[in-house]
């Protein structure tokens, strides 16, 4: 059965709720108050329900009205997303793409990806946001980013496995942990300062700080953490790819952990909305996959 209520009527209902009354809704919608009132009352008659009841001078939602408003809001949001997707499809490649990338992803590899993309679409601007832990999900869900790389796939989004990143525990060669001249245990680590990169999302997940230590410095940038550890201010678990130079020149040395010194974290590639993604965003995702596959194949061949 075809819908009997128009989007405009649902829009009027939502505006009355969100603006706090018919007069305020009319001002927000740039309509006369009588037309907004008529649209809502006609909807009520057609559905044989009362969405509002008057309390004093204020229109208050009934129980049925609350249900109608929730569903109307979802319907209007979906309609808006559909229109935005259609505009993107008709307009060609996007003028700007928001990209949220977990700092664990190799920076040099992202440079390669963006260089290739820039050659194909030089007019498309890239807004590259470097994130930690929950930052990518937040950027995707808030609309700041169209495409993201993250260590976690949040509820409501789907992600595809992209690549694994190896972490190793490191400290300056003169750090007391290296002076033990034996395998390092978790108990040994607890006695020394731990350098941690802070979750960049607004809702910081403190459960990510799984190692209980007496001293901790939490910083907001991976390079700051690397710099502090390289100067002997503590130890840290860092991505091998990010510290190749420091390991090679002896500034950092891997701690010989009991049970192994390598931890692996999976990175995922995800869209804010795959159906609404523009052709540029889709192409950039393809390039990221190709560059990751090329790099992984190169590492296998090197072995």
Protein backbone atom coordinates (compact mmCIF):
# COMPACT_ATOMS: atom_id res chain seq x y z
CA UNK A 1 0.00 0.00 0.00
CA UNK A 2 1.32 3.43 -0.95
CA UNK A 3 2.07 5.75 2.00
CA UNK A 4 -0.78 8.15 2.79
CA UNK A 5 1.34 10.59 4.77
CA UNK A 6 3.82 12.79 2.90
CA UNK A 7 7.38 13.49 3.96
CA UNK A 8 6.39 17.13 4.37
CA UNK A 9 3.77 16.18 6.97
CA UNK A 10 6.33 14.10 8.87
CA UNK A 11 8.72 17.04 8.60
CA UNK A 12 6.13 19.34 10.17
CA UNK A 13 5.54 16.88 13.00
CA UNK A 14 9.27 16.62 13.73
CA UNK A 15 9.67 20.40 13.58
CA UNK A 16 6.89 20.97 16.13
CA UNK A 17 8.60 18.53 18.52
CA UNK A 18 12.12 19.85 18.01
CA UNK A 19 11.25 23.56 17.95
CA UNK A 20 8.90 23.31 20.92
CA UNK A 21 5.62 24.44 19.38
CA UNK A 22 3.67 25.25 16.22
CA UNK A 23 4.76 28.88 15.99
CA UNK A 24 8.44 27.99 16.45
CA UNK A 25 8.14 25.15 13.92
CA UNK A 26 6.57 27.50 11.39
CA UNK A 27 9.46 29.93 11.79
CA UNK A 28 12.00 27.13 11.39
CA UNK A 29 10.29 25.80 8.24
CA UNK A 30 9.59 29.28 6.83
CA UNK A 31 5.87 28.48 6.67
CA UNK A 32 2.75 30.01 8.09
CA UNK A 33 1.66 28.62 11.47
CA UNK A 34 -1.71 27.66 10.04
CA UNK A 35 -0.13 25.47 7.34
CA UNK A 36 2.02 23.62 9.89
CA UNK A 37 -0.99 23.11 12.18
CA UNK A 38 -3.11 21.90 9.25
CA UNK A 39 -0.41 19.43 8.09
CA UNK A 40 -0.13 17.84 11.54
CA UNK A 41 -3.87 17.76 12.19
CA UNK A 42 -4.55 16.24 8.77
CA UNK A 43 -2.00 13.54 9.52
CA UNK A 44 -3.69 12.83 12.85
CA UNK A 45 -7.10 12.54 11.15
CA UNK A 46 -5.80 10.21 8.47
CA UNK A 47 -4.08 7.95 11.02
CA UNK A 48 -6.89 8.32 13.59
CA UNK A 49 -4.44 9.17 16.38
CA UNK A 50 -3.56 12.14 18.58
CA UNK A 51 0.12 12.99 18.35
CA UNK A 52 -0.11 16.01 20.68
CA UNK A 53 -2.15 17.16 23.60
CA UNK A 54 -2.27 20.76 24.77
CA UNK A 55 -0.99 21.43 28.27
CA UNK A 56 -1.34 25.11 29.07
CA UNK A 57 0.08 26.87 26.03
CA UNK A 58 2.36 24.02 25.05
CA UNK A 59 1.80 21.07 22.69
CA UNK A 60 3.08 17.91 24.38
CA UNK A 61 3.59 14.53 22.71
CA UNK A 62 1.28 11.71 23.64
CA UNK A 63 2.60 8.16 23.97
CA UNK A 64 1.59 7.48 20.37
CA UNK A 65 3.10 10.80 19.35
CA UNK A 66 6.46 9.81 20.82
CA UNK A 67 6.45 6.66 18.70
CA UNK A 68 5.45 8.62 15.59
CA UNK A 69 8.20 11.18 16.19
CA UNK A 70 10.92 8.53 16.58
CA UNK A 71 9.88 6.80 13.37
CA UNK A 72 9.42 10.09 11.53
CA UNK A 73 12.91 11.25 12.53
CA UNK A 74 14.41 8.01 11.21
CA UNK A 75 12.40 8.34 7.98
CA UNK A 76 13.52 11.94 7.42
CA UNK A 77 17.15 11.04 8.13
CA UNK A 78 16.98 8.17 5.62
CA UNK A 79 15.41 10.45 3.01
CA UNK A 80 18.18 12.99 3.54
CA UNK A 81 20.87 10.33 3.17
CA UNK A 82 19.22 9.10 -0.03
CA UNK A 83 19.22 12.60 -1.53
CA UNK A 84 22.86 13.15 -0.58
CA UNK A 85 23.81 9.84 -2.18
CA UNK A 86 21.93 10.78 -5.36
CA UNK A 87 23.66 14.17 -5.53
CA UNK A 88 27.06 12.53 -5.16
CA UNK A 89 26.24 10.03 -7.90
CA UNK A 90 25.13 12.74 -10.30
CA UNK A 91 27.90 15.23 -9.59
CA UNK A 92 30.87 13.01 -10.36
CA UNK A 93 33.85 12.67 -8.02
CA UNK A 94 33.63 14.48 -4.71
CA UNK A 95 35.19 17.88 -4.15
CA UNK A 96 36.49 16.69 -0.77
CA UNK A 97 36.89 13.34 0.99
CA UNK A 98 37.25 12.94 4.73
CA UNK A 99 39.73 10.21 5.66
CA UNK A 100 40.21 8.98 9.25
CA UNK A 101 43.27 6.75 9.62
CA UNK A 102 44.47 4.94 12.73
CA UNK A 103 48.03 6.08 13.46
CA UNK A 104 49.17 2.44 13.38
CA UNK A 105 48.69 2.37 9.60
CA UNK A 106 52.05 2.94 7.87
CA UNK A 107 52.30 6.61 6.97
CA UNK A 108 54.51 5.97 3.94
CA UNK A 109 51.87 3.60 2.56
CA UNK A 110 49.13 6.21 2.91
CA UNK A 111 51.36 8.68 1.07
CA UNK A 112 51.54 6.18 -1.81
CA UNK A 113 47.76 5.75 -1.76
CA UNK A 114 47.08 9.48 -1.82
CA UNK A 115 49.70 10.07 -4.51
CA UNK A 116 48.00 7.55 -6.80
CA UNK A 117 44.56 8.97 -6.02
CA UNK A 118 45.80 12.51 -6.63
CA UNK A 119 47.03 11.55 -10.08
CA UNK A 120 43.54 10.28 -10.96
CA UNK A 121 41.55 13.06 -9.29
CA UNK A 122 43.79 16.10 -8.72
CA UNK A 123 40.81 18.37 -7.94
CA UNK A 124 39.58 16.30 -5.00
CA UNK A 125 40.80 17.60 -1.65
CA UNK A 126 41.68 15.12 1.09
CA UNK A 127 41.04 15.88 4.77
CA UNK A 128 43.30 13.34 6.54
CA UNK A 129 42.55 12.86 10.22
CA UNK A 130 45.07 10.81 12.21
CA UNK A 131 43.23 8.88 14.91
CA UNK A 132 43.90 6.57 17.85
CA UNK A 133 41.70 3.62 18.92
CA UNK A 134 38.13 4.99 18.88
CA UNK A 135 38.84 8.14 16.89
CA UNK A 136 38.12 6.62 13.47
CA UNK A 137 34.72 5.26 14.48
CA UNK A 138 33.78 8.62 15.98
CA UNK A 139 34.81 10.47 12.80
CA UNK A 140 32.81 8.08 10.60
CA UNK A 141 29.70 8.14 12.76
CA UNK A 142 29.73 11.94 13.12
CA UNK A 143 30.08 12.51 9.37
CA UNK A 144 33.57 14.02 9.62
CA UNK A 145 35.05 11.14 7.59
CA UNK A 146 33.78 9.21 4.58
CA UNK A 147 36.38 6.44 4.75
CA UNK A 148 38.31 5.09 7.70
CA UNK A 149 40.94 2.64 8.91
CA UNK A 150 40.55 1.45 12.49
CA UNK A 151 41.51 -1.24 14.98
CA UNK A 152 37.86 -1.85 15.88
CA UNK A 153 34.61 -2.09 13.95
CA UNK A 154 31.93 -0.24 15.93
CA UNK A 155 28.31 -1.28 16.18
CA UNK A 156 26.37 -0.07 13.18
CA UNK A 157 29.29 -0.12 10.75
CA UNK A 158 30.81 -2.96 8.75
CA UNK A 159 34.52 -3.31 8.17
CA UNK A 160 36.73 -5.53 6.08
CA UNK A 161 40.07 -6.87 7.36
CA UNK A 162 42.84 -4.80 5.80
CA UNK A 163 46.19 -5.70 7.34
CA UNK A 164 47.90 -6.82 10.52
CA UNK A 165 50.31 -4.55 12.41
CA UNK A 166 53.04 -5.94 14.65
CA UNK A 167 53.85 -4.24 17.96
CA UNK A 168 57.06 -4.73 19.93
CA UNK A 169 58.03 -3.53 23.44
CA UNK A 170 61.00 -1.18 23.28
CA UNK A 171 63.16 1.02 25.47
CA UNK A 172 66.42 2.93 25.11
CA UNK A 173 69.43 0.53 25.25
CA UNK A 174 70.52 2.14 28.55
CA UNK A 175 67.10 1.73 30.18
CA UNK A 176 67.15 -0.31 33.44
CA UNK A 177 64.94 -2.98 31.89
CA UNK A 178 67.73 -3.87 29.45
CA UNK A 179 70.22 -4.03 32.34
CA UNK A 180 68.38 -7.04 33.78
CA UNK A 181 70.05 -9.19 31.11
CA UNK A 182 67.22 -11.74 31.13
CA UNK A 183 63.71 -12.23 29.83
CA UNK A 184 61.38 -9.43 30.90
CA UNK A 185 58.10 -10.19 32.69
CA UNK A 186 54.95 -8.12 33.13
CA UNK A 187 55.93 -7.67 36.76
CA UNK A 188 59.21 -6.06 35.63
CA UNK A 189 57.32 -3.62 33.40
CA UNK A 190 55.05 -2.48 36.23
CA UNK A 191 58.02 -0.91 38.02
CA UNK A 192 58.82 1.46 35.16
CA UNK A 193 57.18 4.32 33.28
CA UNK A 194 54.88 3.30 30.44
CA UNK A 195 54.42 5.64 27.45
CA UNK A 196 50.90 5.44 26.00
CA UNK A 197 49.24 7.21 23.06
CA UNK A 198 45.83 8.52 24.08
CA UNK A 199 42.57 7.42 22.49
CA UNK A 200 41.65 10.32 20.17
CA UNK A 201 37.88 9.83 20.52
CA UNK A 202 35.85 12.01 22.87
CA UNK A 203 34.74 8.89 24.75
CA UNK A 204 38.11 7.64 25.90
CA UNK A 205 38.20 3.88 26.52
CA UNK A 206 40.34 3.42 29.61
CA UNK A 207 40.05 -0.35 29.23
CA UNK A 208 42.58 -0.04 26.41
CA UNK A 209 45.22 0.74 29.04
CA UNK A 210 45.45 -2.89 30.09
CA UNK A 211 48.87 -2.76 31.75
CA UNK A 212 48.77 -1.53 35.34
CA UNK A 213 51.97 0.38 36.09
CA UNK A 214 53.17 2.69 38.83
CA UNK A 215 54.04 5.45 36.33
CA UNK A 216 52.44 6.37 33.02
CA UNK A 217 52.79 9.23 30.57
CA UNK A 218 49.84 9.50 28.18
CA UNK A 219 50.51 11.56 25.05
CA UNK A 220 48.38 12.47 22.06
CA UNK A 221 50.86 11.76 19.29
CA UNK A 222 52.75 8.64 18.23
CA UNK A 223 55.91 10.62 17.40
CA UNK A 224 55.89 12.10 20.92
CA UNK A 225 55.78 8.61 22.41
CA UNK A 226 58.63 7.45 20.18
CA UNK A 227 60.67 10.53 21.06
CA UNK A 228 60.16 10.07 24.80
CA UNK A 229 61.10 6.38 24.73
CA UNK A 230 64.13 7.11 22.53
CA UNK A 231 65.37 9.54 25.18
CA UNK A 232 65.11 6.97 27.95
CA UNK A 233 61.95 8.26 29.65
CA UNK A 234 60.23 4.87 29.74
CA UNK A 235 59.14 1.90 27.67
CA UNK A 236 56.34 1.46 25.16
CA UNK A 237 54.69 -1.03 22.83
CA UNK A 238 55.17 0.51 19.39
CA UNK A 239 54.43 -0.56 15.79
CA UNK A 240 57.55 -2.04 14.21
CA UNK A 241 56.95 -0.08 11.02
CA UNK A 242 57.06 3.23 12.92
CA UNK A 243 60.40 2.59 14.63
CA UNK A 244 62.52 0.88 11.96
CA UNK A 245 64.98 3.78 11.89
CA UNK A 246 65.31 3.93 15.69
CA UNK A 247 65.87 0.16 15.89
CA UNK A 248 68.42 0.27 13.07
CA UNK A 249 70.47 3.13 14.54
CA UNK A 250 70.37 1.70 18.07
CA UNK A 251 68.24 4.45 19.62
CA UNK A 252 65.67 1.84 20.60
CA UNK A 253 66.09 -1.80 21.51
CA UNK A 254 63.40 -4.47 21.66
CA UNK A 255 62.75 -5.81 25.15
CA UNK A 256 63.10 -9.62 25.35
CA UNK A 257 59.66 -10.39 26.76
CA UNK A 258 58.93 -13.80 28.23
CA UNK A 259 56.46 -15.51 25.92
CA UNK A 260 57.46 -13.46 22.88
CA UNK A 261 58.00 -9.81 22.04
CA UNK A 262 55.52 -9.42 19.18
CA UNK A 263 51.84 -8.54 19.44
CA UNK A 264 49.61 -8.33 16.38
CA UNK A 265 46.71 -5.92 15.88
CA UNK A 266 44.24 -6.18 12.98
CA UNK A 267 43.30 -3.05 11.04
CA UNK A 268 39.95 -2.73 9.25
CA UNK A 269 38.81 -0.61 6.30
CA UNK A 270 35.30 0.83 6.54
CA UNK A 271 32.94 3.35 4.98
CA UNK A 272 30.77 5.80 6.87
CA UNK A 273 27.95 4.69 4.52
CA UNK A 274 28.84 2.31 1.70
CA UNK A 275 25.61 2.98 -0.22
CA UNK A 276 26.09 6.76 -0.07
CA UNK A 277 29.83 6.69 -0.80
CA UNK A 278 30.81 8.75 -3.82
CA UNK A 279 32.93 7.39 -6.67
CA UNK A 280 36.05 9.09 -5.35
CA UNK A 281 35.68 7.50 -1.91
CA UNK A 282 35.10 4.09 -3.50
CA UNK A 283 38.16 4.50 -5.72
CA UNK A 284 40.34 5.61 -2.80
CA UNK A 285 39.29 2.47 -0.89
CA UNK A 286 40.30 0.35 -3.90
CA UNK A 287 43.71 2.03 -4.02
CA UNK A 288 44.25 1.43 -0.29
CA UNK A 289 43.48 -2.28 -0.73
CA UNK A 290 45.82 -2.52 -3.71
CA UNK A 291 48.71 -0.77 -1.95
CA UNK A 292 48.33 -2.90 1.17
CA UNK A 293 48.28 -6.07 -0.93
CA UNK A 294 51.34 -4.89 -2.86
CA UNK A 295 53.26 -4.11 0.34
CA UNK A 296 52.34 -7.42 1.99
CA UNK A 297 53.35 -9.31 -1.13
CA UNK A 298 56.65 -7.47 -1.19
CA UNK A 299 57.36 -8.38 2.43
CA UNK A 300 56.64 -12.06 1.70
CA UNK A 301 58.95 -12.01 -1.32
CA UNK A 302 61.69 -10.39 0.81
CA UNK A 303 61.52 -13.30 3.24
